[in-house]
């Protein structure tokens, strides 16, 4: 997968992007893995990320991309209203 984000004035080291793999069992959903994407290229404010994965086991899964803030003083990135889902 390739994801392109216009970071505007946000430094690239302040942004994280991950692929969430969610398994659905008996009507319940559970995040089974969060895989960070790698910054492939940065042109001005345009950041291009990529990830290459293969399915390792059969089943029904949902996939989502999550953009989150990164900073050494943020204790838990899920506690903030800065998370965006793609």
PDB file of N, CA and C in Angstrom:
ATOM      1  N   UNK A   1       0.846  -1.172   0.000  1.00  0.00           N
ATOM      2  CA  UNK A   1       0.000   0.000   0.000  1.00  0.00           C
ATOM      3  C   UNK A   1       0.889   1.232   0.000  1.00  0.00           C
ATOM      4  N   UNK A   2       0.441   2.263  -0.668  1.00  0.00           N
ATOM      5  CA  UNK A   2       1.115   3.554  -0.687  1.00  0.00           C
ATOM      6  C   UNK A   2       0.131   4.603  -0.208  1.00  0.00           C
ATOM      7  N   UNK A   3       0.587   5.473   0.693  1.00  0.00           N
ATOM      8  CA  UNK A   3      -0.249   6.543   1.226  1.00  0.00           C
ATOM      9  C   UNK A   3       0.530   7.845   1.083  1.00  0.00           C
ATOM     10  N   UNK A   4      -0.139   8.860   0.542  1.00  0.00           N
ATOM     11  CA  UNK A   4       0.470  10.172   0.375  1.00  0.00           C
ATOM     12  C   UNK A   4      -0.286  11.170   1.245  1.00  0.00           C
ATOM     13  N   UNK A   5       0.466  11.948   2.019  1.00  0.00           N
ATOM     14  CA  UNK A   5      -0.125  12.911   2.952  1.00  0.00           C
ATOM     15  C   UNK A   5       0.540  14.265   2.744  1.00  0.00           C
ATOM     16  N   UNK A   6      -0.264  15.317   2.689  1.00  0.00           N
ATOM     17  CA  UNK A   6       0.271  16.671   2.676  1.00  0.00           C
ATOM     18  C   UNK A   6       0.376  17.125   4.134  1.00  0.00           C
ATOM     19  N   UNK A   7       1.589  17.194   4.641  1.00  0.00           N
ATOM     20  CA  UNK A   7       1.821  17.527   6.040  1.00  0.00           C
ATOM     21  C   UNK A   7       1.721  19.023   6.321  1.00  0.00           C
ATOM     22  N   UNK A   8       1.615  19.823   5.275  1.00  0.00           N
ATOM     23  CA  UNK A   8       1.588  21.289   5.425  1.00  0.00           C
ATOM     24  C   UNK A   8       2.840  21.716   6.192  1.00  0.00           C
ATOM     25  N   UNK A   9       2.679  22.288   7.372  1.00  0.00           N
ATOM     26  CA  UNK A   9       3.829  22.789   8.128  1.00  0.00           C
ATOM     27  C   UNK A   9       4.242  21.863   9.273  1.00  0.00           C
ATOM     28  N   UNK A  10       3.690  20.673   9.326  1.00  0.00           N
ATOM     29  CA  UNK A  10       4.021  19.724  10.389  1.00  0.00           C
ATOM     30  C   UNK A  10       5.306  18.981  10.012  1.00  0.00           C
ATOM     31  N   UNK A  11       6.286  18.933  10.898  1.00  0.00           N
ATOM     32  CA  UNK A  11       7.517  18.182  10.604  1.00  0.00           C
ATOM     33  C   UNK A  11       7.221  16.686  10.468  1.00  0.00           C
ATOM     34  N   UNK A  12       7.865  16.021   9.534  1.00  0.00           N
ATOM     35  CA  UNK A  12       7.582  14.604   9.283  1.00  0.00           C
ATOM     36  C   UNK A  12       7.857  13.726  10.491  1.00  0.00           C
ATOM     37  N   UNK A  13       8.792  14.119  11.360  1.00  0.00           N
ATOM     38  CA  UNK A  13       9.068  13.307  12.555  1.00  0.00           C
ATOM     39  C   UNK A  13       7.974  13.430  13.608  1.00  0.00           C
ATOM     40  N   UNK A  14       7.026  14.334  13.417  1.00  0.00           N
ATOM     41  CA  UNK A  14       5.915  14.512  14.368  1.00  0.00           C
ATOM     42  C   UNK A  14       4.662  13.748  13.971  1.00  0.00           C
ATOM     43  N   UNK A  15       4.753  12.971  12.878  1.00  0.00           N
ATOM     44  CA  UNK A  15       3.588  12.250  12.360  1.00  0.00           C
ATOM     45  C   UNK A  15       3.921  10.775  12.215  1.00  0.00           C
ATOM     46  N   UNK A  16       3.026   9.933  12.690  1.00  0.00           N
ATOM     47  CA  UNK A  16       3.158   8.495  12.495  1.00  0.00           C
ATOM     48  C   UNK A  16       1.979   7.992  11.673  1.00  0.00           C
ATOM     49  N   UNK A  17       2.198   6.939  10.936  1.00  0.00           N
ATOM     50  CA  UNK A  17       1.149   6.324  10.124  1.00  0.00           C
ATOM     51  C   UNK A  17       1.285   4.819  10.283  1.00  0.00           C
ATOM     52  N   UNK A  18       0.180   4.167  10.586  1.00  0.00           N
ATOM     53  CA  UNK A  18       0.239   2.714  10.758  1.00  0.00           C
ATOM     54  C   UNK A  18      -0.962   2.038  10.130  1.00  0.00           C
ATOM     55  N   UNK A  19      -0.752   0.795   9.743  1.00  0.00           N
ATOM     56  CA  UNK A  19      -1.810  -0.058   9.224  1.00  0.00           C
ATOM     57  C   UNK A  19      -2.335  -0.884  10.385  1.00  0.00           C
ATOM     58  N   UNK A  20      -3.629  -0.793  10.625  1.00  0.00           N
ATOM     59  CA  UNK A  20      -4.274  -1.569  11.679  1.00  0.00           C
ATOM     60  C   UNK A  20      -4.945  -2.783  11.036  1.00  0.00           C
ATOM     61  N   UNK A  21      -4.666  -3.964  11.561  1.00  0.00           N
ATOM     62  CA  UNK A  21      -5.311  -5.190  11.097  1.00  0.00           C
ATOM     63  C   UNK A  21      -6.272  -5.624  12.193  1.00  0.00           C
ATOM     64  N   UNK A  22      -7.543  -5.723  11.824  1.00  0.00           N
ATOM     65  CA  UNK A  22      -8.613  -5.997  12.783  1.00  0.00           C
ATOM     66  C   UNK A  22      -9.284  -7.303  12.399  1.00  0.00           C
ATOM     67  N   UNK A  23      -9.386  -8.206  13.355  1.00  0.00           N
ATOM     68  CA  UNK A  23     -10.032  -9.496  13.127  1.00  0.00           C
ATOM     69  C   UNK A  23     -11.435  -9.459  13.714  1.00  0.00           C
ATOM     70  N   UNK A  24     -12.356 -10.049  12.973  1.00  0.00           N
ATOM     71  CA  UNK A  24     -13.736 -10.098  13.446  1.00  0.00           C
ATOM     72  C   UNK A  24     -14.096 -11.549  13.765  1.00  0.00           C
ATOM     73  N   UNK A  25     -14.388 -11.781  15.060  1.00  0.00           N
ATOM     74  CA  UNK A  25     -14.757 -13.117  15.515  1.00  0.00           C
ATOM     75  C   UNK A  25     -16.031 -13.026  16.346  1.00  0.00           C
ATOM     76  N   UNK A  26     -17.021 -13.806  16.001  1.00  0.00           N
ATOM     77  CA  UNK A  26     -18.269 -13.859  16.776  1.00  0.00           C
ATOM     78  C   UNK A  26     -18.880 -12.480  17.011  1.00  0.00           C
ATOM     79  N   UNK A  27     -18.836 -11.631  16.009  1.00  0.00           N
ATOM     80  CA  UNK A  27     -19.414 -10.305  16.121  1.00  0.00           C
ATOM     81  C   UNK A  27     -18.549  -9.290  16.849  1.00  0.00           C
ATOM     82  N   UNK A  28     -17.425  -9.711  17.393  1.00  0.00           N
ATOM     83  CA  UNK A  28     -16.509  -8.813  18.104  1.00  0.00           C
ATOM     84  C   UNK A  28     -15.321  -8.483  17.200  1.00  0.00           C
ATOM     85  N   UNK A  29     -14.812  -7.268  17.349  1.00  0.00           N
ATOM     86  CA  UNK A  29     -13.642  -6.851  16.593  1.00  0.00           C
ATOM     87  C   UNK A  29     -12.464  -6.669  17.539  1.00  0.00           C
ATOM     88  N   UNK A  30     -11.305  -7.110  17.098  1.00  0.00           N
ATOM     89  CA  UNK A  30     -10.102  -6.990  17.912  1.00  0.00           C
ATOM     90  C   UNK A  30      -8.929  -6.608  17.027  1.00  0.00           C
ATOM     91  N   UNK A  31      -8.189  -5.591  17.445  1.00  0.00           N
ATOM     92  CA  UNK A  31      -6.978  -5.214  16.725  1.00  0.00           C
ATOM     93  C   UNK A  31      -5.936  -6.285  17.010  1.00  0.00           C
ATOM     94  N   UNK A  32      -5.472  -6.929  15.950  1.00  0.00           N
ATOM     95  CA  UNK A  32      -4.482  -7.984  16.162  1.00  0.00           C
ATOM     96  C   UNK A  32      -3.065  -7.535  15.825  1.00  0.00           C
ATOM     97  N   UNK A  33      -2.964  -6.437  15.058  1.00  0.00           N
ATOM     98  CA  UNK A  33      -1.623  -5.950  14.735  1.00  0.00           C
ATOM     99  C   UNK A  33      -1.703  -4.506  14.265  1.00  0.00           C
ATOM    100  N   UNK A  34      -0.691  -3.735  14.633  1.00  0.00           N
ATOM    101  CA  UNK A  34      -0.520  -2.368  14.155  1.00  0.00           C
ATOM    102  C   UNK A  34       0.881  -2.293  13.563  1.00  0.00           C
ATOM    103  N   UNK A  35       0.961  -2.059  12.265  1.00  0.00           N
ATOM    104  CA  UNK A  35       2.244  -2.073  11.571  1.00  0.00           C
ATOM    105  C   UNK A  35       2.564  -0.660  11.083  1.00  0.00           C
ATOM    106  N   UNK A  36       3.673  -0.080  11.531  1.00  0.00           N
ATOM    107  CA  UNK A  36       4.019   1.267  11.077  1.00  0.00           C
ATOM    108  C   UNK A  36       4.437   1.269   9.607  1.00  0.00           C
ATOM    109  N   UNK A  37       4.032   2.318   8.902  1.00  0.00           N
ATOM    110  CA  UNK A  37       4.476   2.510   7.532  1.00  0.00           C
ATOM    111  C   UNK A  37       5.774   3.292   7.546  1.00  0.00           C
ATOM    112  N   UNK A  38       6.593   3.069   6.543  1.00  0.00           N
ATOM    113  CA  UNK A  38       7.872   3.757   6.442  1.00  0.00           C
ATOM    114  C   UNK A  38       7.739   4.959   5.525  1.00  0.00           C
ATOM    115  N   UNK A  39       8.383   6.050   5.921  1.00  0.00           N
ATOM    116  CA  UNK A  39       8.427   7.227   5.067  1.00  0.00           C
ATOM    117  C   UNK A  39       9.342   6.901   3.896  1.00  0.00           C
ATOM    118  N   UNK A  40       8.779   6.885   2.710  1.00  0.00           N
ATOM    119  CA  UNK A  40       9.524   6.522   1.511  1.00  0.00           C
ATOM    120  C   UNK A  40      10.172   7.741   0.878  1.00  0.00           C
ATOM    121  N   UNK A  41       9.419   8.849   0.849  1.00  0.00           N
ATOM    122  CA  UNK A  41       9.906  10.044   0.158  1.00  0.00           C
ATOM    123  C   UNK A  41       9.223  11.275   0.742  1.00  0.00           C
ATOM    124  N   UNK A  42       9.934  12.389   0.745  1.00  0.00           N
ATOM    125  CA  UNK A  42       9.387  13.655   1.215  1.00  0.00           C
ATOM    126  C   UNK A  42       9.755  14.733   0.208  1.00  0.00           C
ATOM    127  N   UNK A  43       8.747  15.334  -0.419  1.00  0.00           N
ATOM    128  CA  UNK A  43       8.937  16.427  -1.370  1.00  0.00           C
ATOM    129  C   UNK A  43       8.175  17.631  -0.848  1.00  0.00           C
ATOM    130  N   UNK A  44       8.920  18.626  -0.378  1.00  0.00           N
ATOM    131  CA  UNK A  44       8.322  19.791   0.279  1.00  0.00           C
ATOM    132  C   UNK A  44       7.481  19.296   1.448  1.00  0.00           C
ATOM    133  N   UNK A  45       6.169  19.468   1.396  1.00  0.00           N
ATOM    134  CA  UNK A  45       5.316  19.004   2.500  1.00  0.00           C
ATOM    135  C   UNK A  45       4.595  17.703   2.174  1.00  0.00           C
ATOM    136  N   UNK A  46       4.854  17.130   1.010  1.00  0.00           N
ATOM    137  CA  UNK A  46       4.190  15.897   0.585  1.00  0.00           C
ATOM    138  C   UNK A  46       5.010  14.691   1.042  1.00  0.00           C
ATOM    139  N   UNK A  47       4.432  13.916   1.964  1.00  0.00           N
ATOM    140  CA  UNK A  47       5.100  12.722   2.499  1.00  0.00           C
ATOM    141  C   UNK A  47       4.480  11.482   1.868  1.00  0.00           C
ATOM    142  N   UNK A  48       5.325  10.596   1.367  1.00  0.00           N
ATOM    143  CA  UNK A  48       4.867   9.354   0.757  1.00  0.00           C
ATOM    144  C   UNK A  48       5.346   8.179   1.600  1.00  0.00           C
ATOM    145  N   UNK A  49       4.391   7.399   2.080  1.00  0.00           N
ATOM    146  CA  UNK A  49       4.658   6.251   2.924  1.00  0.00           C
ATOM    147  C   UNK A  49       4.313   4.984   2.157  1.00  0.00           C
ATOM    148  N   UNK A  50       4.952   3.872   2.544  1.00  0.00           N
ATOM    149  CA  UNK A  50       4.576   2.605   1.923  1.00  0.00           C
ATOM    150  C   UNK A  50       4.738   1.454   2.903  1.00  0.00           C
ATOM    151  N   UNK A  51       4.039   0.379   2.570  1.00  0.00           N
ATOM    152  CA  UNK A  51       4.109  -0.850   3.348  1.00  0.00           C
ATOM    153  C   UNK A  51       3.851  -2.013   2.397  1.00  0.00           C
ATOM    154  N   UNK A  52       4.537  -3.108   2.616  1.00  0.00           N
ATOM    155  CA  UNK A  52       4.358  -4.313   1.804  1.00  0.00           C
ATOM    156  C   UNK A  52       4.160  -5.477   2.771  1.00  0.00           C
ATOM    157  N   UNK A  53       2.956  -6.025   2.810  1.00  0.00           N
ATOM    158  CA  UNK A  53       2.671  -7.138   3.716  1.00  0.00           C
ATOM    159  C   UNK A  53       1.997  -8.263   2.957  1.00  0.00           C
ATOM    160  N   UNK A  54       2.048  -9.433   3.531  1.00  0.00           N
ATOM    161  CA  UNK A  54       1.351 -10.595   2.989  1.00  0.00           C
ATOM    162  C   UNK A  54       0.506 -11.207   4.096  1.00  0.00           C
ATOM    163  N   UNK A  55      -0.640 -11.724   3.728  1.00  0.00           N
ATOM    164  CA  UNK A  55      -1.503 -12.386   4.703  1.00  0.00           C
ATOM    165  C   UNK A  55      -0.786 -13.633   5.218  1.00  0.00           C
ATOM    166  N   UNK A  56      -0.821 -13.812   6.539  1.00  0.00           N
ATOM    167  CA  UNK A  56      -0.115 -14.951   7.124  1.00  0.00           C
ATOM    168  C   UNK A  56      -1.059 -16.066   7.583  1.00  0.00           C
ATOM    169  N   UNK A  57      -2.353 -15.741   7.724  1.00  0.00           N
ATOM    170  CA  UNK A  57      -3.305 -16.776   8.112  1.00  0.00           C
ATOM    171  C   UNK A  57      -4.682 -16.440   7.539  1.00  0.00           C
ATOM    172  N   UNK A  58      -5.516 -17.453   7.324  1.00  0.00           N
ATOM    173  CA  UNK A  58      -6.842 -17.204   6.765  1.00  0.00           C
ATOM    174  C   UNK A  58      -7.784 -16.584   7.795  1.00  0.00           C
ATOM    175  N   UNK A  59      -8.824 -15.933   7.307  1.00  0.00           N
ATOM    176  CA  UNK A  59      -9.813 -15.347   8.195  1.00  0.00           C
ATOM    177  C   UNK A  59     -10.424 -14.100   7.585  1.00  0.00           C
ATOM    178  N   UNK A  60     -11.317 -13.489   8.327  1.00  0.00           N
ATOM    179  CA  UNK A  60     -11.965 -12.260   7.900  1.00  0.00           C
ATOM    180  C   UNK A  60     -11.318 -11.113   8.661  1.00  0.00           C
ATOM    181  N   UNK A  61     -10.749 -10.163   7.921  1.00  0.00           N
ATOM    182  CA  UNK A  61     -10.035  -9.049   8.522  1.00  0.00           C
ATOM    183  C   UNK A  61     -10.506  -7.731   7.929  1.00  0.00           C
ATOM    184  N   UNK A  62     -10.386  -6.698   8.728  1.00  0.00           N
ATOM    185  CA  UNK A  62     -10.589  -5.338   8.258  1.00  0.00           C
ATOM    186  C   UNK A  62      -9.244  -4.643   8.369  1.00  0.00           C
ATOM    187  N   UNK A  63      -9.021  -3.702   7.469  1.00  0.00           N
ATOM    188  CA  UNK A  63      -7.780  -2.942   7.469  1.00  0.00           C
ATOM    189  C   UNK A  63      -8.102  -1.462   7.536  1.00  0.00           C
ATOM    190  N   UNK A  64      -7.318  -0.714   8.289  1.00  0.00           N
ATOM    191  CA  UNK A  64      -7.494   0.731   8.388  1.00  0.00           C
ATOM    192  C   UNK A  64      -6.124   1.365   8.566  1.00  0.00           C
ATOM    193  N   UNK A  65      -6.000   2.575   8.079  1.00  0.00           N
ATOM    194  CA  UNK A  65      -4.788   3.351   8.289  1.00  0.00           C
ATOM    195  C   UNK A  65      -5.071   4.396   9.348  1.00  0.00           C
ATOM    196  N   UNK A  66      -4.142   4.575  10.258  1.00  0.00           N
ATOM    197  CA  UNK A  66      -4.301   5.544  11.336  1.00  0.00           C
ATOM    198  C   UNK A  66      -3.106   6.502  11.325  1.00  0.00           C
ATOM    199  N   UNK A  67      -3.423   7.793  11.278  1.00  0.00           N
ATOM    200  CA  UNK A  67      -2.409   8.834  11.378  1.00  0.00           C
ATOM    201  C   UNK A  67      -2.452   9.353  12.808  1.00  0.00           C
ATOM    202  N   UNK A  68      -1.297   9.484  13.425  1.00  0.00           N
ATOM    203  CA  UNK A  68      -1.270   9.908  14.827  1.00  0.00           C
ATOM    204  C   UNK A  68      -0.082  10.836  15.077  1.00  0.00           C
ATOM    205  N   UNK A  69      -0.166  11.664  16.119  1.00  0.00           N
ATOM    206  CA  UNK A  69       0.946  12.556  16.452  1.00  0.00           C
ATOM    207  C   UNK A  69       2.056  11.782  17.158  1.00  0.00           C
ATOM    208  N   UNK A  70       3.298  12.164  16.901  1.00  0.00           N
ATOM    209  CA  UNK A  70       4.451  11.557  17.573  1.00  0.00           C
ATOM    210  C   UNK A  70       5.262  12.659  18.236  1.00  0.00           C
ATOM    211  N   UNK A  71       5.500  12.493  19.509  1.00  0.00           N
ATOM    212  CA  UNK A  71       6.359  13.423  20.244  1.00  0.00           C
ATOM    213  C   UNK A  71       6.754  12.746  21.549  1.00  0.00           C
ATOM    214  N   UNK A  72       7.960  13.002  21.993  1.00  0.00           N
ATOM    215  CA  UNK A  72       8.459  12.350  23.196  1.00  0.00           C
ATOM    216  C   UNK A  72       7.651  12.695  24.443  1.00  0.00           C
ATOM    217  N   UNK A  73       6.940  13.834  24.456  1.00  0.00           N
ATOM    218  CA  UNK A  73       6.163  14.245  25.616  1.00  0.00           C
ATOM    219  C   UNK A  73       4.700  13.800  25.561  1.00  0.00           C
ATOM    220  N   UNK A  74       4.301  13.108  24.514  1.00  0.00           N
ATOM    221  CA  UNK A  74       2.937  12.569  24.439  1.00  0.00           C
ATOM    222  C   UNK A  74       2.941  11.176  25.061  1.00  0.00           C
ATOM    223  N   UNK A  75       2.302  10.992  26.217  1.00  0.00           N
ATOM    224  CA  UNK A  75       2.358   9.696  26.896  1.00  0.00           C
ATOM    225  C   UNK A  75       1.573   8.597  26.168  1.00  0.00           C
ATOM    226  N   UNK A  76       0.416   8.945  25.613  1.00  0.00           N
ATOM    227  CA  UNK A  76      -0.432   7.961  24.933  1.00  0.00           C
ATOM    228  C   UNK A  76      -1.077   8.632  23.728  1.00  0.00           C
ATOM    229  N   UNK A  77      -0.713   8.218  22.558  1.00  0.00           N
ATOM    230  CA  UNK A  77      -1.242   8.900  21.365  1.00  0.00           C
ATOM    231  C   UNK A  77      -2.745   8.717  21.199  1.00  0.00           C
ATOM    232  N   UNK A  78      -3.347   7.659  21.743  1.00  0.00           N
ATOM    233  CA  UNK A  78      -4.774   7.439  21.616  1.00  0.00           C
ATOM    234  C   UNK A  78      -5.597   8.387  22.487  1.00  0.00           C
ATOM    235  N   UNK A  79      -4.977   9.077  23.429  1.00  0.00           N
ATOM    236  CA  UNK A  79      -5.696   9.973  24.330  1.00  0.00           C
ATOM    237  C   UNK A  79      -5.997  11.331  23.720  1.00  0.00           C
ATOM    238  N   UNK A  80      -5.501  11.591  22.548  1.00  0.00           N
ATOM    239  CA  UNK A  80      -5.615  12.919  21.970  1.00  0.00           C
ATOM    240  C   UNK A  80      -6.577  12.926  20.783  1.00  0.00           C
ATOM    241  N   UNK A  81      -7.138  14.091  20.530  1.00  0.00           N
ATOM    242  CA  UNK A  81      -8.080  14.256  19.430  1.00  0.00           C
ATOM    243  C   UNK A  81      -7.387  14.502  18.101  1.00  0.00           C
ATOM    244  N   UNK A  82      -6.102  14.146  18.007  1.00  0.00           N
ATOM    245  CA  UNK A  82      -5.353  14.404  16.786  1.00  0.00           C
ATOM    246  C   UNK A  82      -5.276  13.173  15.885  1.00  0.00           C
ATOM    247  N   UNK A  83      -5.867  12.076  16.280  1.00  0.00           N
ATOM    248  CA  UNK A  83      -5.808  10.856  15.479  1.00  0.00           C
ATOM    249  C   UNK A  83      -6.809  10.964  14.340  1.00  0.00           C
ATOM    250  N   UNK A  84      -6.393  10.569  13.150  1.00  0.00           N
ATOM    251  CA  UNK A  84      -7.277  10.544  11.978  1.00  0.00           C
ATOM    252  C   UNK A  84      -7.242   9.145  11.387  1.00  0.00           C
ATOM    253  N   UNK A  85      -8.406   8.671  10.981  1.00  0.00           N
ATOM    254  CA  UNK A  85      -8.518   7.364  10.340  1.00  0.00           C
ATOM    255  C   UNK A  85      -8.734   7.560   8.852  1.00  0.00           C
ATOM    256  N   UNK A  86      -8.068   6.740   8.041  1.00  0.00           N
ATOM    257  CA  UNK A  86      -8.237   6.784   6.587  1.00  0.00           C
ATOM    258  C   UNK A  86      -8.999   5.568   6.141  1.00  0.00           C
TER     259      UNK A  86
END
